[in-house]
Amino acid sequence: MLALGLWGLDRGGMWRDEAVSFQVGRRTVPQIWHLLHDVDAVHGLYYLLLHAVLAVHPGEVLLRLPSVCAAAGTAALVAALGTRLARPRVGLWAGLLYAVTPMAGHYAQEGRSYALVAAGATGATLLFVRAVRGGSWWAYGAVLGLTCWLHEFAVLLLLAHAVSLALARAGRRVWRGWGCAAAAVVLTLLPMVVVSRGQAAQVAWLRTPTADTAERLLHGFLGPADEVFWVCLGLALVGLSGVVGRRGEVTCAGIALPVTVVPPVALMLASQASPLYVDRYVLYALSGAPLLVAAGAERVAGAVGHLLKRQSLPQSPSVTLTGVLALSLSLLHQFPLLQKDRDPGRRPDDLAAVSRVAGRHLGAGDPVLFLPVQMRNVALTYPGPFRGTRDIALVTGAAASGTLYGREAGAAEVRRRLASLDRVWVVADRTLLAGRWAPRNPVERAKAAVLRQEFVGRQETVRGGVTVRLYVRPVSGLPVLPPQPPRPERW
């Protein structure tokens, strides 16, 4: 997992969410605290961690390095769970399967909190198993509580663990210990819940999950390549036969199935009323899938061995090695997918590429307009090409205003400022310029209306979903020339 995470870590470009992590992590602690009162409270602990990391060296590799280390830790914890719940070779197979799963590799290279949440949740699950067998419930509660402060939806893991206790037919003493730990986790998380509810507008872009959403997540957990997916699905179904064990004893499948299924299903159901679901919010549930597959592989291996013994046929000298070789084939089969994932173009956008486009066109003193305000992320993350330009709408910078992208002037003031210009460079969301969606914010509507009514698009370059376009004001009495066709750039 560590090797796959480090491979191609320096992609040479950040996408929008990583860019937010990068620019917020470089702020001072008081500035980060100021920001969290307005937005992104759910990521506050992660930003403070990044502040310490980026103080060493503010670069893309260090930004992503905590995620790489967390993913490697998660693979090790999955292996530890398999070893404790079944036997060492089950742990080995499960840990290796987690490591070669493209979804795990994708988030191992993201400068966001999700890989760290997965590590914390898997560590909490290991502590849960130990507590059921007589260990400390407070260690479990402390780790899960800290994980929930990295991302509050990790609290859904409590539901998964409750289902595991029900499947194990746990006794009163175990339920009481778990209940106290769960109550402590929920109580410590309440301040975060209260603050984040006030910032719910940040996720207004989310859509209600559908059956296709669930199917896509299942492929992400078991393998996007069809051959790998069907083999893993078959083994997982075999593994379900061991979901219930002796009374009071948790089994590998009894832990793995609820961890894999309960958090995503709970969030999808809640999202039918108020959309909150994104795959990465439940990345931590991925740790259960390799355990279920490995448990199924162990049952198949046991059945084959028993059959060979009954027929007095020689058995394989190393079942463990056979499983490792099968996992190596899985890695080779999905290697092209892993390789493509190292391309910046596989992310929703590539702000470094947009900044290079801007650097070829913008000159000192050129007016620039960002539409919507989130597009200013390009200039905040890669400021070089924008030095010396005039940011038309900006009133107060991002760090000083305690916002992610800076505070802009009101709609009337933006109109007045644009009225004094004959030309302006616009860095914009391509779908917005194409009229495929309309912003609700009055300032954004004013920007789009003035450009549409008073200016004509000329030179244009498209980079993924972002357009860099020159707008000029038509000269009175002269014919309006049609805009030049856009020059799309290859990812």
Protein backbone atom coordinates (compact mmCIF):
# COMPACT_ATOMS: atom_id res chain seq x y z
CA MET A 1 0.00 0.00 0.00
CA LEU A 2 2.83 2.36 0.82
CA ALA A 3 4.55 1.60 -2.50
CA LEU A 4 1.35 2.14 -4.51
CA GLY A 5 0.62 5.32 -2.58
CA LEU A 6 4.04 6.83 -3.22
CA TRP A 7 4.00 5.87 -6.90
CA GLY A 8 3.19 8.99 -8.95
CA LEU A 9 2.40 11.02 -5.82
CA ASP A 10 3.64 14.25 -7.41
CA ARG A 11 1.06 14.57 -10.19
CA GLY A 12 2.02 18.17 -10.83
CA GLY A 13 -1.43 19.53 -10.20
CA MET A 14 -4.09 19.79 -7.49
CA TRP A 15 -7.82 19.61 -8.00
CA ARG A 16 -10.21 22.01 -6.30
CA ASP A 17 -10.70 20.18 -2.95
CA GLU A 18 -6.98 19.50 -2.57
CA ALA A 19 -6.30 23.15 -3.39
CA VAL A 20 -8.58 24.19 -0.52
CA SER A 21 -6.65 21.90 1.84
CA PHE A 22 -3.39 23.38 0.59
CA GLN A 23 -4.26 27.04 0.89
CA VAL A 24 -6.09 26.66 4.25
CA GLY A 25 -3.27 24.53 5.69
CA ARG A 26 -0.79 27.34 4.99
CA ARG A 27 -2.79 29.89 7.00
CA THR A 28 -1.97 30.71 10.61
CA VAL A 29 -3.85 28.89 13.37
CA PRO A 30 -5.94 32.03 14.22
CA GLN A 31 -6.84 32.38 10.54
CA ILE A 32 -7.90 28.71 10.35
CA TRP A 33 -9.98 29.14 13.51
CA HIS A 34 -11.59 32.25 11.98
CA LEU A 35 -12.47 30.26 8.83
CA LEU A 36 -14.07 27.39 10.73
CA HIS A 37 -16.70 29.70 12.21
CA ASP A 38 -18.03 30.19 8.66
CA VAL A 39 -17.25 27.07 6.62
CA ASP A 40 -15.57 23.66 6.70
CA ALA A 41 -15.88 23.08 10.45
CA VAL A 42 -16.10 19.36 9.65
CA HIS A 43 -12.52 19.50 8.31
CA GLY A 44 -11.10 21.69 11.08
CA LEU A 45 -8.96 19.04 12.78
CA TYR A 46 -7.55 17.95 9.42
CA TYR A 47 -6.62 21.53 8.49
CA LEU A 48 -4.75 21.93 11.78
CA LEU A 49 -2.85 18.71 11.07
CA LEU A 50 -1.96 19.96 7.58
CA HIS A 51 -0.81 23.26 9.06
CA ALA A 52 1.88 21.36 10.97
CA VAL A 53 2.78 19.19 7.96
CA LEU A 54 2.98 22.04 5.44
CA ALA A 55 5.11 24.08 7.84
CA VAL A 56 7.91 21.64 6.95
CA HIS A 57 7.56 22.31 3.22
CA PRO A 58 4.49 23.66 1.39
CA GLY A 59 4.26 21.27 -1.56
CA GLU A 60 1.94 18.75 -3.19
CA VAL A 61 3.90 15.70 -2.04
CA LEU A 62 3.77 16.67 1.64
CA LEU A 63 0.11 17.61 1.25
CA ARG A 64 -0.69 14.04 0.18
CA LEU A 65 1.83 12.22 2.36
CA PRO A 66 -0.46 11.93 5.44
CA SER A 67 -3.03 10.17 3.25
CA VAL A 68 -0.41 7.74 1.91
CA CYS A 69 0.73 6.86 5.43
CA ALA A 70 -2.87 6.53 6.62
CA ALA A 71 -3.73 4.18 3.74
CA ALA A 72 -0.70 2.01 4.55
CA GLY A 73 -1.81 1.97 8.19
CA THR A 74 -5.33 0.97 7.17
CA ALA A 75 -4.04 -1.96 5.10
CA ALA A 76 -2.03 -3.11 8.13
CA LEU A 77 -5.07 -2.77 10.41
CA VAL A 78 -7.23 -4.75 7.98
CA ALA A 79 -4.58 -7.49 8.07
CA ALA A 80 -4.56 -7.37 11.88
CA LEU A 81 -8.35 -7.74 11.94
CA GLY A 82 -8.23 -10.74 9.62
CA THR A 83 -5.53 -12.35 11.74
CA ARG A 84 -7.40 -11.78 15.00
CA LEU A 85 -10.83 -12.79 13.68
CA ALA A 86 -9.73 -15.78 11.59
CA ARG A 87 -6.09 -16.73 10.99
CA PRO A 88 -2.87 -15.07 9.70
CA ARG A 89 -3.35 -15.99 6.04
CA VAL A 90 -6.84 -14.43 6.05
CA GLY A 91 -5.27 -11.26 7.45
CA LEU A 92 -2.55 -11.34 4.79
CA TRP A 93 -5.04 -11.80 1.96
CA ALA A 94 -7.38 -9.08 3.28
CA GLY A 95 -4.57 -6.56 3.80
CA LEU A 96 -3.14 -7.16 0.33
CA LEU A 97 -6.59 -6.97 -1.27
CA TYR A 98 -7.20 -3.63 0.40
CA ALA A 99 -3.84 -2.38 -0.89
CA VAL A 100 -4.51 -3.29 -4.54
CA THR A 101 -8.10 -1.98 -4.60
CA PRO A 102 -8.11 1.07 -6.93
CA MET A 103 -10.51 2.99 -4.67
CA ALA A 104 -8.06 2.72 -1.76
CA GLY A 105 -5.19 3.81 -4.02
CA HIS A 106 -7.17 6.79 -5.30
CA TYR A 107 -7.80 8.28 -1.86
CA ALA A 108 -4.30 7.39 -0.69
CA GLN A 109 -3.20 10.13 -3.10
CA GLU A 110 -5.75 12.76 -2.12
CA GLY A 111 -4.84 15.76 -0.01
CA ARG A 112 -8.04 15.37 2.00
CA SER A 113 -9.03 13.72 5.28
CA TYR A 114 -10.75 10.59 3.96
CA ALA A 115 -7.78 8.18 4.11
CA LEU A 116 -7.09 9.30 7.69
CA VAL A 117 -10.74 8.72 8.59
CA ALA A 118 -10.48 5.21 7.11
CA ALA A 119 -7.40 4.49 9.23
CA GLY A 120 -9.10 5.76 12.40
CA ALA A 121 -12.29 3.82 11.72
CA THR A 122 -10.40 0.58 11.03
CA GLY A 123 -8.32 1.08 14.17
CA ALA A 124 -11.53 1.65 16.13
CA THR A 125 -12.96 -1.58 14.70
CA LEU A 126 -9.88 -3.51 15.84
CA LEU A 127 -10.27 -2.00 19.33
CA PHE A 128 -13.96 -2.91 19.20
CA VAL A 129 -13.07 -6.58 18.63
CA ARG A 130 -10.58 -6.46 21.51
CA ALA A 131 -13.15 -4.82 23.80
CA VAL A 132 -15.77 -7.47 23.00
CA ARG A 133 -13.19 -10.05 24.07
CA GLY A 134 -12.44 -8.27 27.34
CA GLY A 135 -10.38 -5.22 26.35
CA SER A 136 -10.92 -1.52 27.11
CA TRP A 137 -14.04 0.17 25.78
CA TRP A 138 -12.59 3.59 26.50
CA ALA A 139 -9.70 3.08 24.09
CA TYR A 140 -12.30 2.22 21.46
CA GLY A 141 -14.38 5.30 22.30
CA ALA A 142 -11.35 7.61 22.29
CA VAL A 143 -10.12 6.50 18.86
CA LEU A 144 -13.58 6.58 17.29
CA GLY A 145 -14.32 9.96 18.87
CA LEU A 146 -11.12 11.43 17.42
CA THR A 147 -11.95 9.89 14.03
CA CYS A 148 -15.40 11.48 14.07
CA TRP A 149 -13.76 14.86 14.57
CA LEU A 150 -11.84 14.24 11.36
CA HIS A 151 -15.19 13.67 9.63
CA GLU A 152 -18.49 13.47 11.48
CA PHE A 153 -20.03 10.77 9.25
CA ALA A 154 -17.61 8.27 10.79
CA VAL A 155 -20.16 8.17 13.63
CA LEU A 156 -22.18 5.78 11.44
CA LEU A 157 -19.61 3.15 12.35
CA LEU A 158 -21.39 2.91 15.70
CA LEU A 159 -24.43 1.48 13.89
CA ALA A 160 -22.25 -1.11 12.16
CA HIS A 161 -20.73 -2.19 15.46
CA ALA A 162 -24.18 -2.43 17.04
CA VAL A 163 -25.23 -4.80 14.23
CA SER A 164 -22.08 -6.87 14.86
CA LEU A 165 -23.01 -7.18 18.54
CA ALA A 166 -26.52 -8.26 17.57
CA LEU A 167 -25.16 -10.91 15.19
CA ALA A 168 -22.84 -12.14 17.95
CA ARG A 169 -25.74 -12.27 20.44
CA ALA A 170 -23.54 -10.39 22.88
CA GLY A 171 -24.27 -10.39 26.60
CA ARG A 172 -25.44 -7.51 28.76
CA ARG A 173 -21.97 -6.62 29.99
CA VAL A 174 -20.69 -6.15 26.43
CA TRP A 175 -23.71 -4.08 25.40
CA ARG A 176 -23.31 -1.89 28.48
CA GLY A 177 -19.63 -1.24 27.75
CA TRP A 178 -20.31 -0.46 24.11
CA GLY A 179 -23.26 1.77 25.03
CA CYS A 180 -21.12 3.88 27.39
CA ALA A 181 -18.41 4.29 24.75
CA ALA A 182 -20.97 5.11 22.04
CA ALA A 183 -22.65 7.71 24.27
CA ALA A 184 -19.28 9.34 24.95
CA VAL A 185 -18.52 9.51 21.20
CA VAL A 186 -21.90 11.08 20.40
CA LEU A 187 -21.67 13.62 23.24
CA THR A 188 -18.19 14.77 22.25
CA LEU A 189 -19.36 15.13 18.65
CA LEU A 190 -22.42 17.28 19.43
CA PRO A 191 -20.58 20.65 19.15
CA MET A 192 -19.39 19.65 15.66
CA VAL A 193 -22.91 18.61 14.65
CA VAL A 194 -24.39 21.92 15.82
CA VAL A 195 -21.80 23.99 13.95
CA SER A 196 -21.86 21.90 10.77
CA ARG A 197 -25.66 22.07 10.56
CA GLY A 198 -25.30 25.82 10.27
CA GLN A 199 -22.91 25.29 7.36
CA ALA A 200 -25.16 22.85 5.48
CA ALA A 201 -25.32 25.17 2.45
CA GLN A 202 -21.82 23.90 1.55
CA VAL A 203 -23.29 20.55 0.47
CA ALA A 204 -26.31 21.98 -1.35
CA TRP A 205 -24.80 20.67 -4.61
CA LEU A 206 -25.30 17.03 -3.57
CA ARG A 207 -27.98 14.93 -5.28
CA THR A 208 -30.17 12.13 -3.95
CA PRO A 209 -28.38 8.77 -4.30
CA THR A 210 -29.97 6.14 -6.55
CA ALA A 211 -29.59 2.43 -7.24
CA ASP A 212 -26.82 3.34 -9.71
CA THR A 213 -25.00 5.10 -6.86
CA ALA A 214 -25.09 1.93 -4.77
CA GLU A 215 -23.95 -0.22 -7.70
CA ARG A 216 -21.04 2.14 -8.39
CA LEU A 217 -19.97 1.98 -4.74
CA LEU A 218 -20.15 -1.83 -4.77
CA HIS A 219 -17.84 -1.91 -7.79
CA GLY A 220 -15.50 0.49 -6.01
CA PHE A 221 -15.35 -1.78 -2.97
CA LEU A 222 -14.89 -5.09 -4.82
CA GLY A 223 -12.98 -3.93 -7.90
CA PRO A 224 -14.00 -1.85 -10.94
CA ALA A 225 -12.67 -4.47 -13.39
CA ASP A 226 -15.46 -6.95 -14.17
CA GLU A 227 -13.35 -10.09 -13.81
CA VAL A 228 -12.04 -9.02 -10.40
CA PHE A 229 -15.48 -7.80 -9.29
CA TRP A 230 -17.31 -11.07 -9.99
CA VAL A 231 -14.64 -13.23 -8.35
CA CYS A 232 -14.60 -11.00 -5.25
CA LEU A 233 -18.40 -10.88 -5.13
CA GLY A 234 -18.60 -14.66 -5.30
CA LEU A 235 -16.04 -15.09 -2.50
CA ALA A 236 -17.79 -12.44 -0.39
CA LEU A 237 -21.09 -14.31 -0.72
CA VAL A 238 -19.35 -17.51 0.37
CA GLY A 239 -17.87 -15.59 3.32
CA LEU A 240 -21.38 -14.65 4.48
CA SER A 241 -21.92 -18.23 5.61
CA GLY A 242 -19.81 -17.44 8.68
CA VAL A 243 -21.63 -14.26 9.65
CA VAL A 244 -23.04 -15.79 12.85
CA GLY A 245 -20.77 -17.75 15.17
CA ARG A 246 -20.98 -18.99 18.73
CA ARG A 247 -23.00 -16.93 21.20
CA GLY A 248 -21.01 -13.93 22.40
CA GLU A 249 -18.26 -14.38 19.78
CA VAL A 250 -17.79 -11.95 16.88
CA THR A 251 -16.74 -13.54 13.59
CA CYS A 252 -14.78 -12.17 10.64
CA ALA A 253 -17.91 -11.96 8.48
CA GLY A 254 -19.94 -10.69 11.45
CA ILE A 255 -17.61 -7.69 11.64
CA ALA A 256 -16.91 -7.23 7.92
CA LEU A 257 -20.49 -7.30 6.60
CA PRO A 258 -21.91 -4.53 8.87
CA VAL A 259 -18.82 -2.33 8.40
CA THR A 260 -19.15 -2.64 4.61
CA VAL A 261 -22.91 -2.25 4.35
CA VAL A 262 -24.38 -0.30 7.28
CA PRO A 263 -22.65 3.15 6.98
CA PRO A 264 -23.26 3.54 3.20
CA VAL A 265 -26.84 2.29 3.42
CA ALA A 266 -27.63 4.49 6.42
CA LEU A 267 -26.23 7.58 4.69
CA MET A 268 -28.02 6.78 1.42
CA LEU A 269 -31.32 6.36 3.23
CA ALA A 270 -30.86 9.61 5.15
CA SER A 271 -29.99 11.30 1.86
CA GLN A 272 -33.42 10.49 0.43
CA ALA A 273 -34.75 13.26 2.68
CA SER A 274 -31.73 15.59 2.61
CA PRO A 275 -28.88 14.71 0.22
CA LEU A 276 -25.64 14.15 2.14
CA TYR A 277 -24.10 11.19 0.33
CA VAL A 278 -20.78 11.11 -1.54
CA ASP A 279 -18.71 7.94 -1.96
CA ARG A 280 -15.68 9.41 -0.23
CA TYR A 281 -17.71 10.14 2.92
CA VAL A 282 -17.96 6.38 3.51
CA LEU A 283 -14.51 5.36 2.27
CA TYR A 284 -13.87 3.86 5.71
CA ALA A 285 -16.50 1.18 4.98
CA LEU A 286 -14.16 -0.21 2.29
CA SER A 287 -12.07 -1.92 5.00
CA GLY A 288 -14.80 -4.52 5.57
CA ALA A 289 -15.00 -5.73 1.95
CA PRO A 290 -11.51 -7.33 1.77
CA LEU A 291 -12.16 -9.10 5.08
CA LEU A 292 -15.38 -10.58 3.72
CA VAL A 293 -13.68 -11.69 0.50
CA ALA A 294 -10.74 -13.20 2.42
CA ALA A 295 -13.14 -15.02 4.75
CA GLY A 296 -14.86 -16.51 1.69
CA ALA A 297 -11.51 -17.50 0.18
CA GLU A 298 -10.61 -19.25 3.45
CA ARG A 299 -13.86 -21.24 3.35
CA VAL A 300 -13.24 -22.22 -0.28
CA ALA A 301 -9.66 -23.26 0.54
CA GLY A 302 -10.92 -25.31 3.48
CA ALA A 303 -13.57 -27.03 1.37
CA VAL A 304 -11.07 -27.86 -1.40
CA GLY A 305 -8.57 -29.19 1.13
CA HIS A 306 -11.24 -31.35 2.77
CA LEU A 307 -12.31 -32.73 -0.62
CA LEU A 308 -8.74 -33.59 -1.61
CA LYS A 309 -8.19 -35.28 1.75
CA ARG A 310 -11.31 -37.42 1.37
CA GLN A 311 -10.18 -38.54 -2.08
CA SER A 312 -6.62 -39.17 -0.86
CA LEU A 313 -5.24 -36.62 -3.35
CA PRO A 314 -2.14 -34.49 -2.61
CA GLN A 315 -2.97 -31.05 -1.21
CA SER A 316 -1.40 -27.75 -2.27
CA PRO A 317 1.84 -27.19 -0.36
CA SER A 318 1.00 -23.56 0.27
CA VAL A 319 -2.56 -22.29 0.24
CA THR A 320 -1.30 -18.92 1.51
CA LEU A 321 1.02 -18.50 -1.47
CA THR A 322 -1.76 -19.45 -3.88
CA GLY A 323 -3.90 -16.65 -2.49
CA VAL A 324 -1.06 -14.16 -2.75
CA LEU A 325 -0.48 -15.15 -6.39
CA ALA A 326 -4.19 -14.65 -7.10
CA LEU A 327 -3.99 -11.18 -5.57
CA SER A 328 -0.92 -10.45 -7.71
CA LEU A 329 -2.99 -11.33 -10.79
CA SER A 330 -5.69 -8.97 -9.55
CA LEU A 331 -3.10 -6.19 -9.26
CA LEU A 332 -1.79 -6.86 -12.77
CA HIS A 333 -5.31 -6.92 -14.19
CA GLN A 334 -6.20 -3.58 -12.59
CA PHE A 335 -2.78 -2.01 -13.11
CA PRO A 336 -3.94 0.11 -16.10
CA LEU A 337 -6.67 1.60 -13.89
CA LEU A 338 -4.12 2.44 -11.19
CA GLN A 339 -1.83 3.97 -13.82
CA LYS A 340 -4.58 6.16 -15.26
CA ASP A 341 -5.46 7.35 -11.77
CA ARG A 342 -2.03 9.01 -11.54
CA ASP A 343 -3.02 11.37 -14.37
CA PRO A 344 -4.26 14.78 -13.08
CA GLY A 345 -6.99 14.58 -15.70
CA ARG A 346 -8.67 11.78 -13.74
CA ARG A 347 -9.65 14.32 -11.07
CA PRO A 348 -12.59 16.70 -11.57
CA ASP A 349 -10.19 19.47 -12.57
CA ASP A 350 -6.49 20.39 -12.69
CA LEU A 351 -5.85 23.85 -11.32
CA ALA A 352 -2.15 23.78 -12.21
CA ALA A 353 -3.05 23.32 -15.87
CA VAL A 354 -5.56 26.19 -15.67
CA SER A 355 -2.91 28.44 -14.13
CA ARG A 356 -0.50 27.58 -16.97
CA VAL A 357 -3.18 28.62 -19.47
CA ALA A 358 -3.68 31.88 -17.57
CA GLY A 359 0.08 32.46 -17.53
CA ARG A 360 0.19 32.35 -21.34
CA HIS A 361 -2.55 34.96 -21.71
CA LEU A 362 -2.52 37.33 -18.73
CA GLY A 363 -0.24 40.34 -18.47
CA ALA A 364 0.50 42.93 -15.80
CA GLY A 365 -2.49 45.15 -15.12
CA ASP A 366 -5.00 42.89 -16.89
CA PRO A 367 -8.43 42.79 -15.21
CA VAL A 368 -9.57 39.30 -14.17
CA LEU A 369 -13.00 38.09 -13.14
CA PHE A 370 -13.64 34.72 -11.47
CA LEU A 371 -17.03 33.11 -12.14
CA PRO A 372 -18.17 31.75 -9.76
CA VAL A 373 -16.08 32.87 -6.79
CA GLN A 374 -14.75 29.30 -6.31
CA MET A 375 -12.67 29.73 -9.48
CA ARG A 376 -10.41 32.07 -7.50
CA ASN A 377 -9.01 28.85 -6.06
CA VAL A 378 -6.71 28.78 -9.11
CA ALA A 379 -5.10 32.10 -8.18
CA LEU A 380 -4.91 31.24 -4.48
CA THR A 381 -3.18 27.93 -5.11
CA TYR A 382 -0.98 28.91 -8.07
CA PRO A 383 -0.61 32.69 -7.68
CA GLY A 384 2.36 33.20 -10.05
CA PRO A 385 0.46 33.87 -13.32
CA PHE A 386 -1.96 36.21 -11.53
CA ARG A 387 0.60 38.51 -9.90
CA GLY A 388 0.18 42.05 -11.13
CA THR A 389 -3.33 41.45 -12.47
CA ARG A 390 -6.43 43.22 -11.14
CA ASP A 391 -9.04 41.06 -9.43
CA ILE A 392 -12.15 43.05 -10.36
CA ALA A 393 -14.67 41.69 -7.87
CA LEU A 394 -12.43 41.13 -4.82
CA VAL A 395 -12.81 43.29 -1.72
CA THR A 396 -10.99 41.32 1.00
CA GLY A 397 -8.56 38.42 0.60
CA ALA A 398 -9.43 34.86 1.59
CA ALA A 399 -7.30 34.57 4.74
CA ALA A 400 -8.14 38.07 6.01
CA SER A 401 -11.88 37.61 5.48
CA GLY A 402 -12.02 34.15 7.08
CA THR A 403 -13.46 32.64 3.89
CA LEU A 404 -12.23 30.05 1.41
CA TYR A 405 -12.11 32.32 -1.64
CA GLY A 406 -12.22 35.91 -0.43
CA ARG A 407 -15.03 38.41 0.01
CA GLU A 408 -16.37 40.06 -3.13
CA ALA A 409 -18.20 43.33 -3.73
CA GLY A 410 -21.99 43.44 -3.96
CA ALA A 411 -23.86 43.01 -7.23
CA ALA A 412 -24.27 46.76 -7.87
CA GLU A 413 -20.57 47.44 -7.21
CA VAL A 414 -19.48 44.59 -9.48
CA ARG A 415 -21.66 46.02 -12.25
CA ARG A 416 -20.11 49.46 -11.71
CA ARG A 417 -16.57 48.09 -11.85
CA LEU A 418 -17.26 46.12 -15.02
CA ALA A 419 -18.86 49.19 -16.62
CA SER A 420 -15.47 50.95 -16.57
CA LEU A 421 -13.74 48.17 -18.52
CA ASP A 422 -13.37 47.62 -22.26
CA ARG A 423 -11.89 44.15 -21.82
CA VAL A 424 -11.69 41.57 -19.05
CA TRP A 425 -10.23 38.07 -18.73
CA VAL A 426 -12.69 35.59 -17.21
CA VAL A 427 -11.77 32.34 -15.45
CA ALA A 428 -15.05 30.50 -15.30
CA ASP A 429 -16.87 27.23 -14.91
CA ARG A 430 -17.51 26.10 -18.47
CA THR A 431 -21.00 24.76 -17.79
CA LEU A 432 -22.02 28.05 -16.18
CA LEU A 433 -20.87 30.05 -19.22
CA ALA A 434 -22.72 27.60 -21.45
CA GLY A 435 -25.93 28.31 -19.50
CA ARG A 436 -26.33 24.72 -18.24
CA TRP A 437 -26.85 25.96 -14.70
CA ALA A 438 -27.63 29.32 -13.13
CA PRO A 439 -26.01 30.52 -9.90
CA ARG A 440 -28.29 31.48 -7.02
CA ASN A 441 -25.94 34.11 -5.60
CA PRO A 442 -26.95 37.61 -6.82
CA VAL A 443 -23.30 38.63 -7.33
CA GLU A 444 -22.66 35.62 -9.57
CA ARG A 445 -25.85 36.33 -11.50
CA ALA A 446 -24.76 39.94 -11.96
CA LYS A 447 -21.35 38.86 -13.31
CA ALA A 448 -22.91 36.45 -15.80
CA ALA A 449 -25.58 38.99 -16.89
CA VAL A 450 -23.08 41.81 -17.54
CA LEU A 451 -20.78 39.52 -19.56
CA ARG A 452 -23.71 38.25 -21.59
CA GLN A 453 -25.31 41.65 -22.21
CA GLU A 454 -22.38 44.03 -22.51
CA PHE A 455 -19.38 41.99 -23.70
CA VAL A 456 -18.46 39.63 -26.50
CA GLY A 457 -16.27 36.58 -26.00
CA ARG A 458 -13.10 36.51 -28.08
CA GLN A 459 -10.05 34.41 -27.34
CA GLU A 460 -10.80 31.28 -25.37
CA THR A 461 -9.04 28.21 -23.98
CA VAL A 462 -10.85 25.30 -22.35
CA ARG A 463 -9.03 23.17 -19.77
CA GLY A 464 -11.24 20.38 -18.57
CA GLY A 465 -14.26 22.00 -16.95
CA VAL A 466 -12.67 25.47 -16.73
CA THR A 467 -12.69 28.18 -19.40
CA VAL A 468 -10.22 31.06 -19.66
CA ARG A 469 -11.87 33.59 -22.00
CA LEU A 470 -11.22 37.17 -23.02
CA TYR A 471 -14.32 39.37 -23.11
CA VAL A 472 -14.28 42.68 -24.98
CA ARG A 473 -16.85 45.46 -25.12
CA PRO A 474 -18.08 46.00 -28.70
CA VAL A 475 -17.16 49.39 -30.19
CA SER A 476 -20.27 51.41 -31.06
CA GLY A 477 -21.02 51.46 -34.78
CA LEU A 478 -18.74 48.53 -35.65
CA PRO A 479 -20.06 45.05 -36.45
CA VAL A 480 -19.85 42.51 -33.69
CA LEU A 481 -17.56 39.69 -34.74
CA PRO A 482 -18.44 36.19 -33.63
CA PRO A 483 -16.24 34.82 -30.85
CA GLN A 484 -13.32 32.66 -31.83
CA PRO A 485 -13.96 28.96 -31.31
CA PRO A 486 -12.51 27.64 -28.07
CA ARG A 487 -9.14 25.92 -28.07
CA PRO A 488 -9.58 22.83 -25.91
CA GLU A 489 -6.40 21.47 -24.41
CA ARG A 490 -5.64 17.82 -23.89
CA TRP A 491 -5.49 16.55 -20.33
